[in-house]
Amino acid sequence: MLDIHKETHGDVVVLSLKGQLDALTAGKMKPTVDELMDSKTTNIVFDLQDITLIDSSGVGAIVSVFKRTRSWNGDTKISGLSAQPLEVFRLLKLDKVIHVFQSVDQALSSFH
């Protein structure tokens, strides 16, 4: 199961995810992400503090958003990584490419 909460902070959209982000649930993000991409939202924070598990499908969904926002001179950042999701990001060295912050507030502040 995956719950998605969207919140706007100026020109940055925070997507707070709760549950598991895997092959079975990653598709649930598609309508929200499509809406953001259609409106050319360029600055996004994925708040993953309540994600208990992530797999390659979940990582792929985040990387896709990251690539698109970067192509529009924006950025995608991550906050709240811990446990298994943090290990996946480290193993794939994504924490070297996508900026990772401990909190949403820190991620939001980094945009300005």
Protein backbone atom coordinates (compact mmCIF):
# COMPACT_ATOMS: atom_id res chain seq x y z
CA MET A 1 0.00 0.00 0.00
CA LEU A 2 1.16 3.54 -0.79
CA ASP A 3 -0.31 6.82 0.39
CA ILE A 4 0.66 10.06 -1.35
CA HIS A 5 0.21 13.54 0.07
CA LYS A 6 1.06 16.60 -2.05
CA GLU A 7 1.86 19.97 -0.52
CA THR A 8 3.08 23.15 -2.23
CA HIS A 9 5.64 25.47 -0.65
CA GLY A 10 6.11 28.40 -3.01
CA ASP A 11 7.68 26.97 -6.17
CA VAL A 12 8.47 23.59 -4.55
CA VAL A 13 6.11 20.62 -4.35
CA VAL A 14 6.60 18.12 -1.53
CA LEU A 15 5.36 14.60 -2.18
CA SER A 16 5.12 12.76 1.13
CA LEU A 17 4.93 9.01 0.59
CA LYS A 18 3.86 6.43 3.16
CA GLY A 19 4.05 2.65 2.89
CA GLN A 20 5.95 0.67 0.29
CA LEU A 21 7.22 2.03 -3.02
CA ASP A 22 7.60 -1.07 -5.14
CA ALA A 23 6.46 -2.71 -8.37
CA LEU A 24 2.93 -3.09 -7.02
CA THR A 25 2.54 0.50 -5.80
CA ALA A 26 4.81 2.70 -7.95
CA GLY A 27 2.05 3.04 -10.55
CA LYS A 28 -0.10 4.78 -7.95
CA MET A 29 2.29 7.74 -8.16
CA LYS A 30 1.77 8.10 -11.91
CA PRO A 31 -1.31 10.39 -11.90
CA THR A 32 0.30 12.75 -9.38
CA VAL A 33 3.63 12.77 -11.18
CA ASP A 34 1.94 13.21 -14.58
CA GLU A 35 0.06 16.24 -13.22
CA LEU A 36 3.31 17.76 -11.94
CA MET A 37 5.11 17.06 -15.21
CA ASP A 38 2.24 18.46 -17.30
CA SER A 39 2.38 21.69 -15.30
CA LYS A 40 6.20 21.69 -15.65
CA THR A 41 6.79 21.67 -11.91
CA THR A 42 10.56 22.00 -11.70
CA ASN A 43 11.29 21.65 -7.97
CA ILE A 44 10.17 18.55 -6.10
CA VAL A 45 10.99 17.02 -2.72
CA PHE A 46 10.17 13.37 -2.11
CA ASP A 47 9.60 12.95 1.62
CA LEU A 48 10.37 9.27 2.20
CA GLN A 49 10.44 9.21 6.01
CA ASP A 50 7.39 6.90 6.07
CA ILE A 51 8.56 4.57 3.29
CA THR A 52 9.35 1.16 4.75
CA LEU A 53 10.50 -0.53 1.53
CA ILE A 54 11.62 0.57 -1.91
CA ASP A 55 12.55 -1.57 -4.91
CA SER A 56 13.86 -0.89 -8.41
CA SER A 57 10.42 0.24 -9.64
CA GLY A 58 10.19 2.82 -6.88
CA VAL A 59 13.73 4.00 -7.47
CA GLY A 60 13.02 4.19 -11.21
CA ALA A 61 9.96 6.38 -10.63
CA ILE A 62 12.01 8.83 -8.53
CA VAL A 63 14.94 8.85 -10.97
CA SER A 64 12.53 9.56 -13.84
CA VAL A 65 11.18 12.62 -12.03
CA PHE A 66 14.75 13.70 -11.17
CA LYS A 67 15.83 13.50 -14.82
CA ARG A 68 12.80 15.44 -16.03
CA THR A 69 13.10 18.26 -13.48
CA ARG A 70 16.83 18.57 -14.20
CA SER A 71 16.12 18.88 -17.93
CA TRP A 72 13.92 21.88 -17.04
CA ASN A 73 16.70 23.46 -14.92
CA GLY A 74 14.97 22.40 -11.72
CA ASP A 75 15.80 19.75 -9.16
CA THR A 76 14.41 16.79 -7.25
CA LYS A 77 15.54 16.17 -3.69
CA ILE A 78 14.91 13.47 -1.12
CA SER A 79 14.25 13.79 2.60
CA GLY A 80 13.81 11.38 5.46
CA LEU A 81 15.60 8.31 4.10
CA SER A 82 16.22 5.57 6.65
CA ALA A 83 16.49 1.81 7.01
CA GLN A 84 16.05 -0.24 3.81
CA PRO A 85 15.34 2.72 1.47
CA LEU A 86 18.53 4.46 2.66
CA GLU A 87 20.56 1.30 2.05
CA VAL A 88 19.14 0.99 -1.48
CA PHE A 89 20.04 4.61 -2.28
CA ARG A 90 23.56 4.07 -0.90
CA LEU A 91 24.03 0.76 -2.71
CA LEU A 92 23.02 2.35 -6.02
CA LYS A 93 25.07 5.47 -5.14
CA LEU A 94 22.00 7.61 -5.79
CA ASP A 95 22.81 9.61 -2.67
CA LYS A 96 25.80 10.93 -4.68
CA VAL A 97 23.53 12.14 -7.50
CA ILE A 98 20.26 13.15 -5.84
CA HIS A 99 20.60 15.45 -2.85
CA VAL A 100 19.39 13.72 0.33
CA PHE A 101 18.36 15.66 3.44
CA GLN A 102 17.30 14.57 6.91
CA SER A 103 14.17 16.71 6.91
CA VAL A 104 11.72 18.32 4.51
CA ASP A 105 12.60 21.73 5.97
CA GLN A 106 16.28 21.24 5.12
CA ALA A 107 15.39 20.12 1.58
CA LEU A 108 13.09 23.13 1.10
CA SER A 109 15.74 25.53 2.39
CA SER A 110 18.28 24.16 -0.08
CA PHE A 111 16.20 25.47 -3.00
CA HIS A 112 16.71 29.09 -1.96
